[in-house]
C-alpha atoms as a PDB file:
ATOM      1  CA  MET A   1      -0.087  -0.093  -0.188  1.00  0.00           C
ATOM      2  CA  LYS A   2       1.375   3.309  -1.281  1.00  0.00           C
ATOM      3  CA  HIS A   3       1.308   6.250   1.412  1.00  0.00           C
ATOM      4  CA  GLY A   4       1.319   9.899   0.591  1.00  0.00           C
ATOM      5  CA  LYS A   5       4.026  11.919   1.438  1.00  0.00           C
ATOM      6  CA  LYS A   6       2.367  13.347   4.611  1.00  0.00           C
ATOM      7  CA  TYR A   7       1.977  10.328   5.936  1.00  0.00           C
ATOM      8  CA  SER A   8       5.546   9.015   5.310  1.00  0.00           C
ATOM      9  CA  GLU A   9       6.864  12.122   6.879  1.00  0.00           C
ATOM     10  CA  ALA A  10       4.932  11.278   9.971  1.00  0.00           C
ATOM     11  CA  ALA A  11       5.879   7.776   9.981  1.00  0.00           C
ATOM     12  CA  LYS A  12       9.593   8.984  10.382  1.00  0.00           C
ATOM     13  CA  LEU A  13       8.640  10.406  13.871  1.00  0.00           C
ATOM     14  CA  VAL A  14       7.500   7.007  14.949  1.00  0.00           C
ATOM     15  CA  ASP A  15       9.907   4.122  16.069  1.00  0.00           C
ATOM     16  CA  ARG A  16       8.010   1.055  15.236  1.00  0.00           C
ATOM     17  CA  ALA A  17       9.782  -1.175  17.543  1.00  0.00           C
ATOM     18  CA  THR A  18       9.275   0.855  20.567  1.00  0.00           C
ATOM     19  CA  PHE A  19       6.584   0.414  23.066  1.00  0.00           C
ATOM     20  CA  TYR A  20       5.782   3.739  24.277  1.00  0.00           C
ATOM     21  CA  GLU A  21       4.542   4.934  27.532  1.00  0.00           C
ATOM     22  CA  THR A  22       0.710   6.193  27.582  1.00  0.00           C
ATOM     23  CA  ALA A  23       1.930  10.067  27.539  1.00  0.00           C
ATOM     24  CA  ASP A  24       4.620   9.604  25.198  1.00  0.00           C
ATOM     25  CA  ALA A  25       2.153   7.886  22.852  1.00  0.00           C
ATOM     26  CA  ILE A  26      -0.476  10.700  23.084  1.00  0.00           C
ATOM     27  CA  ALA A  27       1.949  13.188  22.530  1.00  0.00           C
ATOM     28  CA  LEU A  28       3.445  11.546  19.319  1.00  0.00           C
ATOM     29  CA  VAL A  29       0.175  10.701  17.688  1.00  0.00           C
ATOM     30  CA  LYS A  30      -0.770  14.439  18.231  1.00  0.00           C
ATOM     31  CA  LYS A  31       2.359  15.642  16.211  1.00  0.00           C
ATOM     32  CA  THR A  32       1.544  12.745  13.301  1.00  0.00           C
ATOM     33  CA  ALA A  33      -1.903  14.208  12.892  1.00  0.00           C
ATOM     34  CA  THR A  34      -1.040  16.265   9.826  1.00  0.00           C
ATOM     35  CA  ALA A  35      -4.466  16.331   7.640  1.00  0.00           C
ATOM     36  CA  LYS A  36      -6.215  19.490   6.789  1.00  0.00           C
ATOM     37  CA  PHE A  37      -9.293  18.215   8.968  1.00  0.00           C
ATOM     38  CA  ASP A  38      -9.394  17.746  12.732  1.00  0.00           C
ATOM     39  CA  GLU A  39      -8.423  14.015  12.836  1.00  0.00           C
ATOM     40  CA  THR A  40      -9.948  11.588  15.236  1.00  0.00           C
ATOM     41  CA  VAL A  41      -7.412   9.687  17.471  1.00  0.00           C
ATOM     42  CA  GLU A  42      -8.219   6.083  17.895  1.00  0.00           C
ATOM     43  CA  VAL A  43      -7.223   3.406  20.120  1.00  0.00           C
ATOM     44  CA  HIS A  44      -7.124  -0.594  18.463  1.00  0.00           C
ATOM     45  CA  ILE A  45      -6.707  -3.273  21.208  1.00  0.00           C
ATOM     46  CA  ARG A  46      -5.787  -6.758  20.242  1.00  0.00           C
ATOM     47  CA  THR A  47      -7.112  -9.145  22.968  1.00  0.00           C
ATOM     48  CA  GLY A  48      -6.313 -12.703  23.565  1.00  0.00           C
ATOM     49  CA  CYS A  49     -10.283 -13.302  23.627  1.00  0.00           C
ATOM     50  CA  ASP A  50     -11.927 -15.694  21.677  1.00  0.00           C
ATOM     51  CA  GLY A  51     -15.267 -13.956  20.594  1.00  0.00           C
ATOM     52  CA  ARG A  52     -16.698 -17.067  19.077  1.00  0.00           C
ATOM     53  CA  HIS A  53     -17.332 -18.105  22.653  1.00  0.00           C
ATOM     54  CA  ALA A  54     -20.232 -16.216  24.493  1.00  0.00           C
ATOM     55  CA  GLU A  55     -18.266 -15.809  27.733  1.00  0.00           C
ATOM     56  CA  GLN A  56     -15.355 -14.227  25.905  1.00  0.00           C
ATOM     57  CA  GLN A  57     -17.312 -11.587  24.320  1.00  0.00           C
ATOM     58  CA  ILE A  58     -16.249  -8.141  25.201  1.00  0.00           C
ATOM     59  CA  ARG A  59     -18.781  -5.264  25.093  1.00  0.00           C
ATOM     60  CA  GLY A  60     -20.009  -2.392  27.057  1.00  0.00           C
ATOM     61  CA  ALA A  61     -19.788   1.357  27.175  1.00  0.00           C
ATOM     62  CA  VAL A  62     -17.834   3.882  28.869  1.00  0.00           C
ATOM     63  CA  VAL A  63     -18.324   7.816  29.391  1.00  0.00           C
ATOM     64  CA  LEU A  64     -15.475   9.615  28.101  1.00  0.00           C
ATOM     65  CA  PRO A  65     -14.560  12.548  30.610  1.00  0.00           C
ATOM     66  CA  ASN A  66     -13.984  14.782  27.780  1.00  0.00           C
ATOM     67  CA  GLY A  67     -16.172  13.682  25.088  1.00  0.00           C
ATOM     68  CA  THR A  68     -15.202  12.492  21.669  1.00  0.00           C
ATOM     69  CA  GLY A  69     -15.253  15.776  19.863  1.00  0.00           C
ATOM     70  CA  LYS A  70     -17.942  14.400  17.768  1.00  0.00           C
ATOM     71  CA  THR A  71     -21.628  15.934  17.749  1.00  0.00           C
ATOM     72  CA  VAL A  72     -23.575  12.381  17.979  1.00  0.00           C
ATOM     73  CA  LYS A  73     -27.109  11.993  16.844  1.00  0.00           C
ATOM     74  CA  VAL A  74     -29.346   9.998  18.813  1.00  0.00           C
ATOM     75  CA  LEU A  75     -32.569   8.142  17.808  1.00  0.00           C
ATOM     76  CA  VAL A  76     -34.775   6.754  20.400  1.00  0.00           C
ATOM     77  CA  PHE A  77     -37.669   4.316  19.934  1.00  0.00           C
ATOM     78  CA  ALA A  78     -40.242   4.770  22.502  1.00  0.00           C
ATOM     79  CA  LYS A  79     -44.057   5.383  23.310  1.00  0.00           C
ATOM     80  CA  GLY A  80     -46.337   6.998  25.733  1.00  0.00           C
ATOM     81  CA  ASP A  81     -44.672   9.545  28.112  1.00  0.00           C
ATOM     82  CA  LYS A  82     -41.354   8.135  27.086  1.00  0.00           C
ATOM     83  CA  VAL A  83     -41.489  10.163  24.108  1.00  0.00           C
ATOM     84  CA  THR A  84     -41.821  13.476  25.804  1.00  0.00           C
ATOM     85  CA  GLU A  85     -38.954  12.316  28.219  1.00  0.00           C
ATOM     86  CA  ALA A  86     -36.731  11.276  25.070  1.00  0.00           C
ATOM     87  CA  GLU A  87     -37.486  14.794  23.607  1.00  0.00           C
ATOM     88  CA  SER A  88     -36.631  16.981  26.790  1.00  0.00           C
ATOM     89  CA  ALA A  89     -33.358  14.883  26.999  1.00  0.00           C
ATOM     90  CA  GLY A  90     -32.160  16.248  23.698  1.00  0.00           C
ATOM     91  CA  ALA A  91     -32.738  13.105  21.598  1.00  0.00           C
ATOM     92  CA  ASP A  92     -32.529  14.232  17.809  1.00  0.00           C
ATOM     93  CA  TYR A  93     -35.105  11.666  16.833  1.00  0.00           C
ATOM     94  CA  VAL A  94     -38.040   9.920  18.530  1.00  0.00           C
ATOM     95  CA  GLY A  95     -40.588   7.677  17.258  1.00  0.00           C
ATOM     96  CA  GLY A  96     -41.846   4.053  17.007  1.00  0.00           C
ATOM     97  CA  GLU A  97     -43.655   1.822  14.479  1.00  0.00           C
ATOM     98  CA  GLU A  98     -43.871   4.561  11.916  1.00  0.00           C
ATOM     99  CA  LEU A  99     -40.056   4.733  11.576  1.00  0.00           C
ATOM    100  CA  ILE A 100     -39.439   1.008  10.253  1.00  0.00           C
ATOM    101  CA  PRO A 101     -40.256   1.681   6.524  1.00  0.00           C
ATOM    102  CA  LYS A 102     -38.332   4.851   6.587  1.00  0.00           C
ATOM    103  CA  ILE A 103     -35.177   2.947   8.024  1.00  0.00           C
ATOM    104  CA  GLN A 104     -35.987  -0.362   5.808  1.00  0.00           C
ATOM    105  CA  ASN A 105     -37.097   1.035   2.576  1.00  0.00           C
ATOM    106  CA  ASP A 106     -36.082   4.478   2.316  1.00  0.00           C
ATOM    107  CA  GLY A 107     -32.405   3.516   3.679  1.00  0.00           C
ATOM    108  CA  TRP A 108     -32.494   6.330   6.302  1.00  0.00           C
ATOM    109  CA  LEU A 109     -29.608   6.215   8.698  1.00  0.00           C
ATOM    110  CA  ASP A 110     -29.235   9.802   9.638  1.00  0.00           C
ATOM    111  CA  PHE A 111     -28.211   8.836  13.433  1.00  0.00           C
ATOM    112  CA  ASP A 112     -25.322   7.336  15.348  1.00  0.00           C
ATOM    113  CA  VAL A 113     -26.586   5.877  18.095  1.00  0.00           C
ATOM    114  CA  VAL A 114     -30.105   3.989  18.642  1.00  0.00           C
ATOM    115  CA  VAL A 115     -31.795   3.917  22.195  1.00  0.00           C
ATOM    116  CA  ALA A 116     -34.882   1.694  22.967  1.00  0.00           C
ATOM    117  CA  THR A 117     -37.418   1.473  25.755  1.00  0.00           C
ATOM    118  CA  PRO A 118     -37.559  -2.588  26.341  1.00  0.00           C
ATOM    119  CA  ASP A 119     -41.349  -2.478  25.427  1.00  0.00           C
ATOM    120  CA  MET A 120     -40.144  -1.200  21.994  1.00  0.00           C
ATOM    121  CA  MET A 121     -37.505  -4.031  21.287  1.00  0.00           C
ATOM    122  CA  GLY A 122     -40.309  -6.134  19.223  1.00  0.00           C
ATOM    123  CA  VAL A 123     -40.563  -3.302  16.910  1.00  0.00           C
ATOM    124  CA  VAL A 124     -36.643  -2.538  16.578  1.00  0.00           C
ATOM    125  CA  GLY A 125     -36.115  -6.308  16.362  1.00  0.00           C
ATOM    126  CA  ARG A 126     -37.687  -6.024  12.790  1.00  0.00           C
ATOM    127  CA  LEU A 127     -34.606  -3.596  11.949  1.00  0.00           C
ATOM    128  CA  GLY A 128     -31.979  -6.142  13.099  1.00  0.00           C
ATOM    129  CA  LYS A 129     -30.768  -6.961   9.255  1.00  0.00           C
ATOM    130  CA  VAL A 130     -30.422  -3.088   8.667  1.00  0.00           C
ATOM    131  CA  LEU A 131     -29.012  -2.040  12.328  1.00  0.00           C
ATOM    132  CA  GLY A 132     -26.893  -5.340  13.206  1.00  0.00           C
ATOM    133  CA  PRO A 133     -24.419  -5.054  10.631  1.00  0.00           C
ATOM    134  CA  LYS A 134     -24.050  -1.324  11.207  1.00  0.00           C
ATOM    135  CA  GLY A 135     -23.348  -1.990  14.965  1.00  0.00           C
ATOM    136  CA  LEU A 136     -26.785   0.344  15.871  1.00  0.00           C
ATOM    137  CA  MET A 137     -28.672  -2.292  17.590  1.00  0.00           C
ATOM    138  CA  PRO A 138     -29.725  -1.444  20.708  1.00  0.00           C
ATOM    139  CA  ASN A 139     -28.293  -3.403  23.834  1.00  0.00           C
ATOM    140  CA  PRO A 140     -28.780  -3.840  27.471  1.00  0.00           C
ATOM    141  CA  LYS A 141     -24.877  -4.536  28.166  1.00  0.00           C
ATOM    142  CA  ALA A 142     -24.282  -0.917  26.395  1.00  0.00           C
ATOM    143  CA  GLY A 143     -26.979   0.701  28.390  1.00  0.00           C
ATOM    144  CA  THR A 144     -28.985   1.473  25.061  1.00  0.00           C
ATOM    145  CA  VAL A 145     -31.935  -0.399  26.161  1.00  0.00           C
ATOM    146  CA  THR A 146     -33.298   1.067  28.963  1.00  0.00           C
ATOM    147  CA  MET A 147     -36.609   2.845  30.540  1.00  0.00           C
ATOM    148  CA  ASP A 148     -33.982   5.654  31.842  1.00  0.00           C
ATOM    149  CA  VAL A 149     -33.975   7.347  28.352  1.00  0.00           C
ATOM    150  CA  THR A 150     -33.015  10.313  30.096  1.00  0.00           C
ATOM    151  CA  LYS A 151     -29.871   9.186  31.368  1.00  0.00           C
ATOM    152  CA  ALA A 152     -28.675   6.990  28.012  1.00  0.00           C
ATOM    153  CA  VAL A 153     -29.389  10.315  25.860  1.00  0.00           C
ATOM    154  CA  ASN A 154     -27.473  12.557  28.157  1.00  0.00           C
ATOM    155  CA  ASP A 155     -24.643   9.722  28.625  1.00  0.00           C
ATOM    156  CA  ILE A 156     -24.161   9.234  24.691  1.00  0.00           C
ATOM    157  CA  LYS A 157     -24.268  13.407  24.089  1.00  0.00           C
ATOM    158  CA  ALA A 158     -21.493  13.730  26.977  1.00  0.00           C
ATOM    159  CA  GLY A 159     -19.259  11.512  25.079  1.00  0.00           C
ATOM    160  CA  LYS A 160     -20.346   7.565  25.657  1.00  0.00           C
ATOM    161  CA  ILE A 161     -18.746   5.320  23.513  1.00  0.00           C
ATOM    162  CA  GLU A 162     -19.283   1.674  23.115  1.00  0.00           C
ATOM    163  CA  TYR A 163     -16.800  -0.911  22.715  1.00  0.00           C
ATOM    164  CA  ARG A 164     -17.013  -4.570  21.270  1.00  0.00           C
ATOM    165  CA  LEU A 165     -14.747  -7.264  19.919  1.00  0.00           C
ATOM    166  CA  ASP A 166     -14.707  -7.383  16.270  1.00  0.00           C
ATOM    167  CA  LYS A 167     -14.004 -10.755  14.257  1.00  0.00           C
ATOM    168  CA  ALA A 168     -10.521 -10.505  14.694  1.00  0.00           C
ATOM    169  CA  ASN A 169     -10.868  -9.934  18.470  1.00  0.00           C
ATOM    170  CA  ILE A 170     -10.037  -6.259  18.293  1.00  0.00           C
ATOM    171  CA  VAL A 171     -11.444  -3.630  20.011  1.00  0.00           C
ATOM    172  CA  HIS A 172     -11.477  -0.250  18.203  1.00  0.00           C
ATOM    173  CA  VAL A 173     -12.719   2.959  19.802  1.00  0.00           C
ATOM    174  CA  PRO A 174     -12.308   6.763  19.237  1.00  0.00           C
ATOM    175  CA  ILE A 175     -11.116   8.714  22.267  1.00  0.00           C
ATOM    176  CA  GLY A 176     -11.218  12.254  21.123  1.00  0.00           C
ATOM    177  CA  LYS A 177      -9.804  14.537  18.388  1.00  0.00           C
ATOM    178  CA  ALA A 178      -6.384  15.501  17.417  1.00  0.00           C
ATOM    179  CA  SER A 179      -7.086  19.040  18.525  1.00  0.00           C
ATOM    180  CA  PHE A 180      -7.604  17.673  22.051  1.00  0.00           C
ATOM    181  CA  SER A 181      -4.939  18.582  24.642  1.00  0.00           C
ATOM    182  CA  GLU A 182      -2.625  15.943  25.598  1.00  0.00           C
ATOM    183  CA  GLU A 183      -4.350  15.764  29.005  1.00  0.00           C
ATOM    184  CA  LYS A 184      -7.739  15.350  27.771  1.00  0.00           C
ATOM    185  CA  LEU A 185      -6.749  12.629  25.248  1.00  0.00           C
ATOM    186  CA  THR A 186      -4.833  10.764  28.617  1.00  0.00           C
ATOM    187  CA  GLU A 187      -7.793  10.980  30.444  1.00  0.00           C
ATOM    188  CA  ASN A 188     -10.122   9.586  27.924  1.00  0.00           C
ATOM    189  CA  PHE A 189      -7.548   6.872  26.999  1.00  0.00           C
ATOM    190  CA  ASN A 190      -7.325   6.076  30.975  1.00  0.00           C
ATOM    191  CA  ALA A 191     -11.062   5.746  30.931  1.00  0.00           C
ATOM    192  CA  LEU A 192     -11.365   3.471  28.252  1.00  0.00           C
ATOM    193  CA  MET A 193      -8.800   1.234  29.587  1.00  0.00           C
ATOM    194  CA  ASP A 194     -10.070   1.061  33.043  1.00  0.00           C
ATOM    195  CA  ALA A 195     -13.084  -0.303  31.357  1.00  0.00           C
ATOM    196  CA  ILE A 196     -11.604  -2.591  29.141  1.00  0.00           C
ATOM    197  CA  VAL A 197      -9.337  -3.996  31.985  1.00  0.00           C
ATOM    198  CA  LYS A 198     -12.476  -4.374  34.120  1.00  0.00           C
ATOM    199  CA  ALA A 199     -14.229  -6.252  31.245  1.00  0.00           C
ATOM    200  CA  LYS A 200     -11.714  -9.192  31.175  1.00  0.00           C
ATOM    201  CA  PRO A 201     -13.794 -12.363  30.880  1.00  0.00           C
ATOM    202  CA  SER A 202     -13.037 -14.552  33.901  1.00  0.00           C
ATOM    203  CA  SER A 203     -12.992 -17.827  31.662  1.00  0.00           C
ATOM    204  CA  LEU A 204     -10.003 -15.892  29.964  1.00  0.00           C
ATOM    205  CA  LYS A 205      -6.577 -18.022  30.054  1.00  0.00           C
ATOM    206  CA  GLY A 206      -3.480 -16.635  28.975  1.00  0.00           C
ATOM    207  CA  GLN A 207      -2.583 -12.996  27.817  1.00  0.00           C
ATOM    208  CA  TYR A 208      -5.837 -10.660  27.971  1.00  0.00           C
ATOM    209  CA  LEU A 209      -3.944  -7.517  26.080  1.00  0.00           C
ATOM    210  CA  LYS A 210      -1.815  -8.370  23.345  1.00  0.00           C
ATOM    211  CA  SER A 211      -1.374  -4.952  21.949  1.00  0.00           C
ATOM    212  CA  ILE A 212      -2.606  -1.302  22.365  1.00  0.00           C
ATOM    213  CA  THR A 213      -1.911   1.034  19.003  1.00  0.00           C
ATOM    214  CA  LEU A 214      -2.938   4.623  18.818  1.00  0.00           C
ATOM    215  CA  THR A 215      -3.658   6.155  15.525  1.00  0.00           C
ATOM    216  CA  THR A 216      -5.108   9.355  14.023  1.00  0.00           C
ATOM    217  CA  THR A 217      -7.415   9.032  11.129  1.00  0.00           C
ATOM    218  CA  MET A 218      -4.643   9.227   8.417  1.00  0.00           C
ATOM    219  CA  GLY A 219      -1.499   8.855  10.659  1.00  0.00           C
ATOM    220  CA  PRO A 220       0.718   5.863  11.611  1.00  0.00           C
ATOM    221  CA  GLY A 221       0.207   3.563  14.621  1.00  0.00           C
ATOM    222  CA  VAL A 222       2.069   4.408  17.837  1.00  0.00           C
ATOM    223  CA  LYS A 223       2.334   1.081  19.986  1.00  0.00           C
ATOM    224  CA  VAL A 224       1.600   1.843  23.390  1.00  0.00           C
ATOM    225  CA  SER A 225       3.134  -0.453  26.333  1.00  0.00           C
ATOM    226  CA  VAL A 226       0.694  -2.808  27.817  1.00  0.00           C
ATOM    227  CA  ALA A 227       2.815  -3.876  30.701  1.00  0.00           C
ATOM    228  CA  LYS A 228       0.991  -1.456  33.030  1.00  0.00           C
ATOM    229  CA  PHE A 229      -2.425  -2.922  32.220  1.00  0.00           C
END
């Protein structure tokens, strides 16, 4: 894969053989963000889990203390007084049954997170084929199936992110923007790692965290030492 000049220049700053301490890695990642837009800083965590076994699946959510720097659009499936509650909490879209054809037939997906009250999951379940592959299906573990829609919407707007294993048993999560201060990125990174460490499956034998890499949208990867985790 051929990389552009900016990427090559940025890559020269990174020693691929070095596992950096968190603070050094974050400082370096900020230096490698050379794109014309405000790049997202991402964490990629390779685990020793085997996601094919249900008890080794890692899935959950964490509120990043400094948010992600992204405006998140929230869709809430609710009925009755929960509709008003969701609207008051600041949900971007609120509805029920009538949204099914709009999403299924018209391909409407102008939202980033879906929240549903438990009594609406029968309706939302019909959208499984559309929402599932996009990682948008509400899930109790992520706090997106709940009667407390106010808390769910507030948390998401405040910078709550979901983490889960992909097919290669890696977790990919954004922790902010390159324009964030090193201190803010470090706080977000530590909050995420605390949650990931606590999520370690009890049935797992062997090493849990195999590697941690920090990267920006367009930049090279910076390896973080896993020793302290």
